[in-house]
């Protein structure tokens, strides 16, 4: 990626740059950009996995509903089913 392409300039302190470079080196990334991109990717995957777990739980609740119970509830509806 060329300098500035798709990037936003952010002013950070020397200490923050030092810490980012240390983390980048420890994790084997060639640049801070690739390190931050990997961190963002990991965060997004973690968030998506949390949402998937929530959806699975909701699907399980729906699957556990008895069809007979649902039919009985629909018969109590104030409109024609």
PDB file of N, CA and C in Angstrom:
ATOM      1  N   UNK A   1       0.855  -1.166   0.000  1.00  0.00           N
ATOM      2  CA  UNK A   1       0.000   0.000   0.000  1.00  0.00           C
ATOM      3  C   UNK A   1       0.898   1.225   0.000  1.00  0.00           C
ATOM      4  N   UNK A   2       0.675   2.140  -0.889  1.00  0.00           N
ATOM      5  CA  UNK A   2       1.472   3.350  -0.969  1.00  0.00           C
ATOM      6  C   UNK A   2       1.184   4.231   0.239  1.00  0.00           C
ATOM      7  N   UNK A   3       2.168   5.036   0.604  1.00  0.00           N
ATOM      8  CA  UNK A   3       2.011   5.913   1.765  1.00  0.00           C
ATOM      9  C   UNK A   3       0.777   6.793   1.584  1.00  0.00           C
ATOM     10  N   UNK A   4      -0.058   6.811   2.574  1.00  0.00           N
ATOM     11  CA  UNK A   4      -1.238   7.651   2.564  1.00  0.00           C
ATOM     12  C   UNK A   4      -2.444   7.041   1.859  1.00  0.00           C
ATOM     13  N   UNK A   5      -2.252   5.988   1.109  1.00  0.00           N
ATOM     14  CA  UNK A   5      -3.349   5.377   0.363  1.00  0.00           C
ATOM     15  C   UNK A   5      -4.297   4.667   1.323  1.00  0.00           C
ATOM     16  N   UNK A   6      -5.510   5.195   1.426  1.00  0.00           N
ATOM     17  CA  UNK A   6      -6.507   4.583   2.291  1.00  0.00           C
ATOM     18  C   UNK A   6      -6.220   4.760   3.771  1.00  0.00           C
ATOM     19  N   UNK A   7      -5.273   5.597   4.099  1.00  0.00           N
ATOM     20  CA  UNK A   7      -4.890   5.773   5.497  1.00  0.00           C
ATOM     21  C   UNK A   7      -5.267   7.180   5.965  1.00  0.00           C
ATOM     22  N   UNK A   8      -5.469   7.311   7.248  1.00  0.00           N
ATOM     23  CA  UNK A   8      -5.730   8.603   7.851  1.00  0.00           C
ATOM     24  C   UNK A   8      -4.555   8.940   8.747  1.00  0.00           C
ATOM     25  N   UNK A   9      -4.080  10.145   8.649  1.00  0.00           N
ATOM     26  CA  UNK A   9      -2.948  10.566   9.469  1.00  0.00           C
ATOM     27  C   UNK A   9      -3.416  10.744  10.909  1.00  0.00           C
ATOM     28  N   UNK A  10      -2.702  10.112  11.829  1.00  0.00           N
ATOM     29  CA  UNK A  10      -3.039  10.212  13.239  1.00  0.00           C
ATOM     30  C   UNK A  10      -1.787  10.624  13.994  1.00  0.00           C
ATOM     31  N   UNK A  11      -1.913  11.633  14.796  1.00  0.00           N
ATOM     32  CA  UNK A  11      -0.782  12.105  15.590  1.00  0.00           C
ATOM     33  C   UNK A  11      -0.783  11.334  16.914  1.00  0.00           C
ATOM     34  N   UNK A  12       0.301  10.598  17.170  1.00  0.00           N
ATOM     35  CA  UNK A  12       0.403   9.848  18.410  1.00  0.00           C
ATOM     36  C   UNK A  12       1.714  10.196  19.100  1.00  0.00           C
ATOM     37  N   UNK A  13       1.741   9.990  20.382  1.00  0.00           N
ATOM     38  CA  UNK A  13       2.934  10.308  21.155  1.00  0.00           C
ATOM     39  C   UNK A  13       4.060   9.328  20.854  1.00  0.00           C
ATOM     40  N   UNK A  14       5.255   9.727  21.193  1.00  0.00           N
ATOM     41  CA  UNK A  14       6.421   8.861  21.018  1.00  0.00           C
ATOM     42  C   UNK A  14       6.223   7.561  21.783  1.00  0.00           C
ATOM     43  N   UNK A  15       5.669   7.643  22.996  1.00  0.00           N
ATOM     44  CA  UNK A  15       5.467   6.455  23.825  1.00  0.00           C
ATOM     45  C   UNK A  15       4.508   5.474  23.159  1.00  0.00           C
ATOM     46  N   UNK A  16       3.435   5.977  22.568  1.00  0.00           N
ATOM     47  CA  UNK A  16       2.474   5.109  21.877  1.00  0.00           C
ATOM     48  C   UNK A  16       3.142   4.448  20.676  1.00  0.00           C
ATOM     49  N   UNK A  17       3.902   5.218  19.897  1.00  0.00           N
ATOM     50  CA  UNK A  17       4.619   4.640  18.757  1.00  0.00           C
ATOM     51  C   UNK A  17       5.592   3.566  19.217  1.00  0.00           C
ATOM     52  N   UNK A  18       6.285   3.815  20.317  1.00  0.00           N
ATOM     53  CA  UNK A  18       7.242   2.847  20.846  1.00  0.00           C
ATOM     54  C   UNK A  18       6.533   1.555  21.243  1.00  0.00           C
ATOM     55  N   UNK A  19       5.396   1.693  21.934  1.00  0.00           N
ATOM     56  CA  UNK A  19       4.637   0.513  22.362  1.00  0.00           C
ATOM     57  C   UNK A  19       4.096  -0.255  21.163  1.00  0.00           C
ATOM     58  N   UNK A  20       3.595   0.469  20.157  1.00  0.00           N
ATOM     59  CA  UNK A  20       3.097  -0.197  18.947  1.00  0.00           C
ATOM     60  C   UNK A  20       4.223  -0.941  18.235  1.00  0.00           C
ATOM     61  N   UNK A  21       5.379  -0.325  18.144  1.00  0.00           N
ATOM     62  CA  UNK A  21       6.513  -0.993  17.494  1.00  0.00           C
ATOM     63  C   UNK A  21       6.960  -2.222  18.278  1.00  0.00           C
ATOM     64  N   UNK A  22       6.917  -2.133  19.598  1.00  0.00           N
ATOM     65  CA  UNK A  22       7.281  -3.290  20.426  1.00  0.00           C
ATOM     66  C   UNK A  22       6.297  -4.432  20.192  1.00  0.00           C
ATOM     67  N   UNK A  23       5.012  -4.125  20.220  1.00  0.00           N
ATOM     68  CA  UNK A  23       3.989  -5.149  19.980  1.00  0.00           C
ATOM     69  C   UNK A  23       4.113  -5.721  18.570  1.00  0.00           C
ATOM     70  N   UNK A  24       4.370  -4.852  17.597  1.00  0.00           N
ATOM     71  CA  UNK A  24       4.534  -5.291  16.207  1.00  0.00           C
ATOM     72  C   UNK A  24       5.673  -6.296  16.113  1.00  0.00           C
ATOM     73  N   UNK A  25       6.806  -5.973  16.746  1.00  0.00           N
ATOM     74  CA  UNK A  25       7.976  -6.844  16.696  1.00  0.00           C
ATOM     75  C   UNK A  25       7.697  -8.171  17.397  1.00  0.00           C
ATOM     76  N   UNK A  26       7.046  -8.110  18.553  1.00  0.00           N
ATOM     77  CA  UNK A  26       6.758  -9.327  19.320  1.00  0.00           C
ATOM     78  C   UNK A  26       5.832 -10.266  18.546  1.00  0.00           C
ATOM     79  N   UNK A  27       4.945  -9.708  17.747  1.00  0.00           N
ATOM     80  CA  UNK A  27       3.983 -10.514  16.998  1.00  0.00           C
ATOM     81  C   UNK A  27       4.456 -10.845  15.593  1.00  0.00           C
ATOM     82  N   UNK A  28       5.667 -10.410  15.224  1.00  0.00           N
ATOM     83  CA  UNK A  28       6.240 -10.783  13.935  1.00  0.00           C
ATOM     84  C   UNK A  28       5.669 -10.076  12.730  1.00  0.00           C
ATOM     85  N   UNK A  29       5.067  -8.923  12.906  1.00  0.00           N
ATOM     86  CA  UNK A  29       4.532  -8.171  11.770  1.00  0.00           C
ATOM     87  C   UNK A  29       5.607  -7.268  11.190  1.00  0.00           C
ATOM     88  N   UNK A  30       5.531  -7.037   9.872  1.00  0.00           N
ATOM     89  CA  UNK A  30       6.532  -6.210   9.204  1.00  0.00           C
ATOM     90  C   UNK A  30       6.295  -4.724   9.419  1.00  0.00           C
ATOM     91  N   UNK A  31       5.049  -4.351   9.686  1.00  0.00           N
ATOM     92  CA  UNK A  31       4.753  -2.930   9.892  1.00  0.00           C
ATOM     93  C   UNK A  31       3.660  -2.776  10.938  1.00  0.00           C
ATOM     94  N   UNK A  32       3.574  -1.563  11.471  1.00  0.00           N
ATOM     95  CA  UNK A  32       2.517  -1.264  12.437  1.00  0.00           C
ATOM     96  C   UNK A  32       1.155  -1.365  11.749  1.00  0.00           C
ATOM     97  N   UNK A  33       1.101  -0.977  10.476  1.00  0.00           N
ATOM     98  CA  UNK A  33      -0.166  -1.052   9.738  1.00  0.00           C
ATOM     99  C   UNK A  33      -0.699  -2.485   9.681  1.00  0.00           C
ATOM    100  N   UNK A  34       0.176  -3.446   9.368  1.00  0.00           N
ATOM    101  CA  UNK A  34      -0.282  -4.843   9.298  1.00  0.00           C
ATOM    102  C   UNK A  34      -0.647  -5.356  10.683  1.00  0.00           C
ATOM    103  N   UNK A  35       0.079  -4.907  11.699  1.00  0.00           N
ATOM    104  CA  UNK A  35      -0.236  -5.295  13.069  1.00  0.00           C
ATOM    105  C   UNK A  35      -1.620  -4.784  13.472  1.00  0.00           C
ATOM    106  N   UNK A  36      -1.878  -3.491  13.198  1.00  0.00           N
ATOM    107  CA  UNK A  36      -3.182  -2.913  13.546  1.00  0.00           C
ATOM    108  C   UNK A  36      -4.307  -3.549  12.729  1.00  0.00           C
ATOM    109  N   UNK A  37      -4.044  -3.841  11.456  1.00  0.00           N
ATOM    110  CA  UNK A  37      -5.060  -4.489  10.618  1.00  0.00           C
ATOM    111  C   UNK A  37      -5.409  -5.863  11.190  1.00  0.00           C
ATOM    112  N   UNK A  38      -4.393  -6.606  11.659  1.00  0.00           N
ATOM    113  CA  UNK A  38      -4.634  -7.925  12.256  1.00  0.00           C
ATOM    114  C   UNK A  38      -5.430  -7.799  13.557  1.00  0.00           C
ATOM    115  N   UNK A  39      -5.102  -6.783  14.360  1.00  0.00           N
ATOM    116  CA  UNK A  39      -5.851  -6.570  15.612  1.00  0.00           C
ATOM    117  C   UNK A  39      -7.314  -6.241  15.326  1.00  0.00           C
ATOM    118  N   UNK A  40      -7.552  -5.393  14.332  1.00  0.00           N
ATOM    119  CA  UNK A  40      -8.928  -5.025  13.965  1.00  0.00           C
ATOM    120  C   UNK A  40      -9.672  -6.243  13.445  1.00  0.00           C
ATOM    121  N   UNK A  41      -9.009  -7.037  12.607  1.00  0.00           N
ATOM    122  CA  UNK A  41      -9.617  -8.262  12.070  1.00  0.00           C
ATOM    123  C   UNK A  41      -9.995  -9.210  13.204  1.00  0.00           C
ATOM    124  N   UNK A  42      -9.087  -9.391  14.153  1.00  0.00           N
ATOM    125  CA  UNK A  42      -9.352 -10.281  15.295  1.00  0.00           C
ATOM    126  C   UNK A  42     -10.527  -9.774  16.122  1.00  0.00           C
ATOM    127  N   UNK A  43     -10.571  -8.454  16.331  1.00  0.00           N
ATOM    128  CA  UNK A  43     -11.677  -7.869  17.093  1.00  0.00           C
ATOM    129  C   UNK A  43     -13.006  -8.100  16.387  1.00  0.00           C
ATOM    130  N   UNK A  44     -13.028  -7.866  15.070  1.00  0.00           N
ATOM    131  CA  UNK A  44     -14.270  -8.058  14.311  1.00  0.00           C
ATOM    132  C   UNK A  44     -14.719  -9.509  14.343  1.00  0.00           C
ATOM    133  N   UNK A  45     -13.767 -10.446  14.196  1.00  0.00           N
ATOM    134  CA  UNK A  45     -14.115 -11.870  14.261  1.00  0.00           C
ATOM    135  C   UNK A  45     -14.671 -12.238  15.631  1.00  0.00           C
ATOM    136  N   UNK A  46     -14.056 -11.706  16.677  1.00  0.00           N
ATOM    137  CA  UNK A  46     -14.526 -11.973  18.038  1.00  0.00           C
ATOM    138  C   UNK A  46     -15.952 -11.446  18.224  1.00  0.00           C
ATOM    139  N   UNK A  47     -16.192 -10.249  17.732  1.00  0.00           N
ATOM    140  CA  UNK A  47     -17.532  -9.656  17.825  1.00  0.00           C
ATOM    141  C   UNK A  47     -18.545 -10.486  17.048  1.00  0.00           C
ATOM    142  N   UNK A  48     -18.171 -10.914  15.847  1.00  0.00           N
ATOM    143  CA  UNK A  48     -19.077 -11.729  15.035  1.00  0.00           C
ATOM    144  C   UNK A  48     -19.360 -13.067  15.710  1.00  0.00           C
ATOM    145  N   UNK A  49     -18.346 -13.664  16.330  1.00  0.00           N
ATOM    146  CA  UNK A  49     -18.555 -14.935  17.029  1.00  0.00           C
ATOM    147  C   UNK A  49     -19.524 -14.754  18.186  1.00  0.00           C
ATOM    148  N   UNK A  50     -19.430 -13.632  18.895  1.00  0.00           N
ATOM    149  CA  UNK A  50     -20.371 -13.344  19.973  1.00  0.00           C
ATOM    150  C   UNK A  50     -21.795 -13.221  19.456  1.00  0.00           C
ATOM    151  N   UNK A  51     -21.938 -12.554  18.306  1.00  0.00           N
ATOM    152  CA  UNK A  51     -23.258 -12.409  17.699  1.00  0.00           C
ATOM    153  C   UNK A  51     -23.786 -13.762  17.228  1.00  0.00           C
ATOM    154  N   UNK A  52     -22.887 -14.592  16.684  1.00  0.00           N
ATOM    155  CA  UNK A  52     -23.299 -15.930  16.251  1.00  0.00           C
ATOM    156  C   UNK A  52     -23.780 -16.765  17.427  1.00  0.00           C
ATOM    157  N   UNK A  53     -23.078 -16.673  18.555  1.00  0.00           N
ATOM    158  CA  UNK A  53     -23.498 -17.409  19.744  1.00  0.00           C
ATOM    159  C   UNK A  53     -24.889 -16.962  20.179  1.00  0.00           C
ATOM    160  N   UNK A  54     -25.132 -15.661  20.128  1.00  0.00           N
ATOM    161  CA  UNK A  54     -26.444 -15.128  20.490  1.00  0.00           C
ATOM    162  C   UNK A  54     -27.524 -15.640  19.535  1.00  0.00           C
ATOM    163  N   UNK A  55     -27.226 -15.628  18.240  1.00  0.00           N
ATOM    164  CA  UNK A  55     -28.186 -16.133  17.247  1.00  0.00           C
ATOM    165  C   UNK A  55     -28.450 -17.622  17.431  1.00  0.00           C
ATOM    166  N   UNK A  56     -27.403 -18.387  17.725  1.00  0.00           N
ATOM    167  CA  UNK A  56     -27.588 -19.829  17.959  1.00  0.00           C
ATOM    168  C   UNK A  56     -28.506 -20.063  19.150  1.00  0.00           C
ATOM    169  N   UNK A  57     -28.328 -19.277  20.205  1.00  0.00           N
ATOM    170  CA  UNK A  57     -29.171 -19.415  21.390  1.00  0.00           C
ATOM    171  C   UNK A  57     -30.624 -19.091  21.052  1.00  0.00           C
ATOM    172  N   UNK A  58     -30.832 -18.022  20.276  1.00  0.00           N
ATOM    173  CA  UNK A  58     -32.191 -17.657  19.877  1.00  0.00           C
ATOM    174  C   UNK A  58     -32.806 -18.735  18.984  1.00  0.00           C
ATOM    175  N   UNK A  59     -32.017 -19.305  18.078  1.00  0.00           N
ATOM    176  CA  UNK A  59     -32.523 -20.374  17.214  1.00  0.00           C
ATOM    177  C   UNK A  59     -32.881 -21.602  18.040  1.00  0.00           C
ATOM    178  N   UNK A  60     -32.092 -21.889  19.060  1.00  0.00           N
ATOM    179  CA  UNK A  60     -32.383 -23.027  19.924  1.00  0.00           C
ATOM    180  C   UNK A  60     -33.706 -22.809  20.656  1.00  0.00           C
ATOM    181  N   UNK A  61     -33.928 -21.575  21.124  1.00  0.00           N
ATOM    182  CA  UNK A  61     -35.184 -21.270  21.810  1.00  0.00           C
ATOM    183  C   UNK A  61     -36.370 -21.448  20.868  1.00  0.00           C
ATOM    184  N   UNK A  62     -36.222 -21.018  19.627  1.00  0.00           N
ATOM    185  CA  UNK A  62     -37.302 -21.155  18.643  1.00  0.00           C
ATOM    186  C   UNK A  62     -37.532 -22.632  18.327  1.00  0.00           C
ATOM    187  N   UNK A  63     -36.449 -23.396  18.203  1.00  0.00           N
ATOM    188  CA  UNK A  63     -36.569 -24.820  17.880  1.00  0.00           C
ATOM    189  C   UNK A  63     -37.223 -25.598  19.016  1.00  0.00           C
ATOM    190  N   UNK A  64     -37.093 -25.106  20.240  1.00  0.00           N
ATOM    191  CA  UNK A  64     -37.655 -25.803  21.393  1.00  0.00           C
ATOM    192  C   UNK A  64     -39.154 -25.545  21.571  1.00  0.00           C
ATOM    193  N   UNK A  65     -39.730 -24.657  20.765  1.00  0.00           N
ATOM    194  CA  UNK A  65     -41.164 -24.365  20.876  1.00  0.00           C
ATOM    195  C   UNK A  65     -41.949 -25.530  20.292  1.00  0.00           C
ATOM    196  N   UNK A  66     -42.902 -26.002  21.060  1.00  0.00           N
ATOM    197  CA  UNK A  66     -43.748 -27.105  20.617  1.00  0.00           C
ATOM    198  C   UNK A  66     -44.706 -26.611  19.534  1.00  0.00           C
ATOM    199  N   UNK A  67     -44.799 -27.362  18.447  1.00  0.00           N
ATOM    200  CA  UNK A  67     -45.711 -26.997  17.361  1.00  0.00           C
ATOM    201  C   UNK A  67     -47.152 -26.996  17.860  1.00  0.00           C
ATOM    202  N   UNK A  68     -47.489 -27.969  18.706  1.00  0.00           N
ATOM    203  CA  UNK A  68     -48.858 -28.040  19.255  1.00  0.00           C
ATOM    204  C   UNK A  68     -49.172 -26.799  20.096  1.00  0.00           C
ATOM    205  N   UNK A  69     -48.212 -26.387  20.902  1.00  0.00           N
ATOM    206  CA  UNK A  69     -48.388 -25.193  21.736  1.00  0.00           C
ATOM    207  C   UNK A  69     -48.582 -23.964  20.845  1.00  0.00           C
ATOM    208  N   UNK A  70     -47.803 -23.876  19.771  1.00  0.00           N
ATOM    209  CA  UNK A  70     -47.910 -22.748  18.851  1.00  0.00           C
ATOM    210  C   UNK A  70     -49.282 -22.711  18.186  1.00  0.00           C
ATOM    211  N   UNK A  71     -49.792 -23.866  17.767  1.00  0.00           N
ATOM    212  CA  UNK A  71     -51.120 -23.939  17.145  1.00  0.00           C
ATOM    213  C   UNK A  71     -52.188 -23.499  18.140  1.00  0.00           C
ATOM    214  N   UNK A  72     -52.066 -23.941  19.372  1.00  0.00           N
ATOM    215  CA  UNK A  72     -53.037 -23.537  20.403  1.00  0.00           C
ATOM    216  C   UNK A  72     -53.001 -22.027  20.601  1.00  0.00           C
ATOM    217  N   UNK A  73     -51.822 -21.439  20.638  1.00  0.00           N
ATOM    218  CA  UNK A  73     -51.700 -19.996  20.814  1.00  0.00           C
ATOM    219  C   UNK A  73     -52.289 -19.250  19.620  1.00  0.00           C
ATOM    220  N   UNK A  74     -52.095 -19.775  18.413  1.00  0.00           N
ATOM    221  CA  UNK A  74     -52.654 -19.129  17.225  1.00  0.00           C
ATOM    222  C   UNK A  74     -54.175 -19.184  17.235  1.00  0.00           C
ATOM    223  N   UNK A  75     -54.737 -20.243  17.803  1.00  0.00           N
ATOM    224  CA  UNK A  75     -56.200 -20.341  17.886  1.00  0.00           C
ATOM    225  C   UNK A  75     -56.781 -19.291  18.817  1.00  0.00           C
ATOM    226  N   UNK A  76     -55.968 -18.754  19.714  1.00  0.00           N
ATOM    227  CA  UNK A  76     -56.432 -17.704  20.612  1.00  0.00           C
ATOM    228  C   UNK A  76     -56.271 -16.307  20.010  1.00  0.00           C
ATOM    229  N   UNK A  77     -55.708 -16.218  18.828  1.00  0.00           N
ATOM    230  CA  UNK A  77     -55.449 -14.922  18.187  1.00  0.00           C
ATOM    231  C   UNK A  77     -56.777 -14.213  17.890  1.00  0.00           C
ATOM    232  N   UNK A  78     -56.805 -12.889  18.037  1.00  0.00           N
ATOM    233  CA  UNK A  78     -58.050 -12.144  17.800  1.00  0.00           C
ATOM    234  C   UNK A  78     -58.379 -11.987  16.309  1.00  0.00           C
ATOM    235  N   UNK A  79     -57.579 -12.524  15.434  1.00  0.00           N
ATOM    236  CA  UNK A  79     -57.820 -12.430  13.996  1.00  0.00           C
ATOM    237  C   UNK A  79     -57.838 -13.853  13.417  1.00  0.00           C
ATOM    238  N   UNK A  80     -58.401 -13.962  12.236  1.00  0.00           N
ATOM    239  CA  UNK A  80     -58.511 -15.271  11.591  1.00  0.00           C
ATOM    240  C   UNK A  80     -57.148 -15.713  11.080  1.00  0.00           C
ATOM    241  N   UNK A  81     -56.777 -16.949  11.424  1.00  0.00           N
ATOM    242  CA  UNK A  81     -55.481 -17.499  11.007  1.00  0.00           C
ATOM    243  C   UNK A  81     -55.710 -18.522   9.925  1.00  0.00           C
TER     244      UNK A  81
END
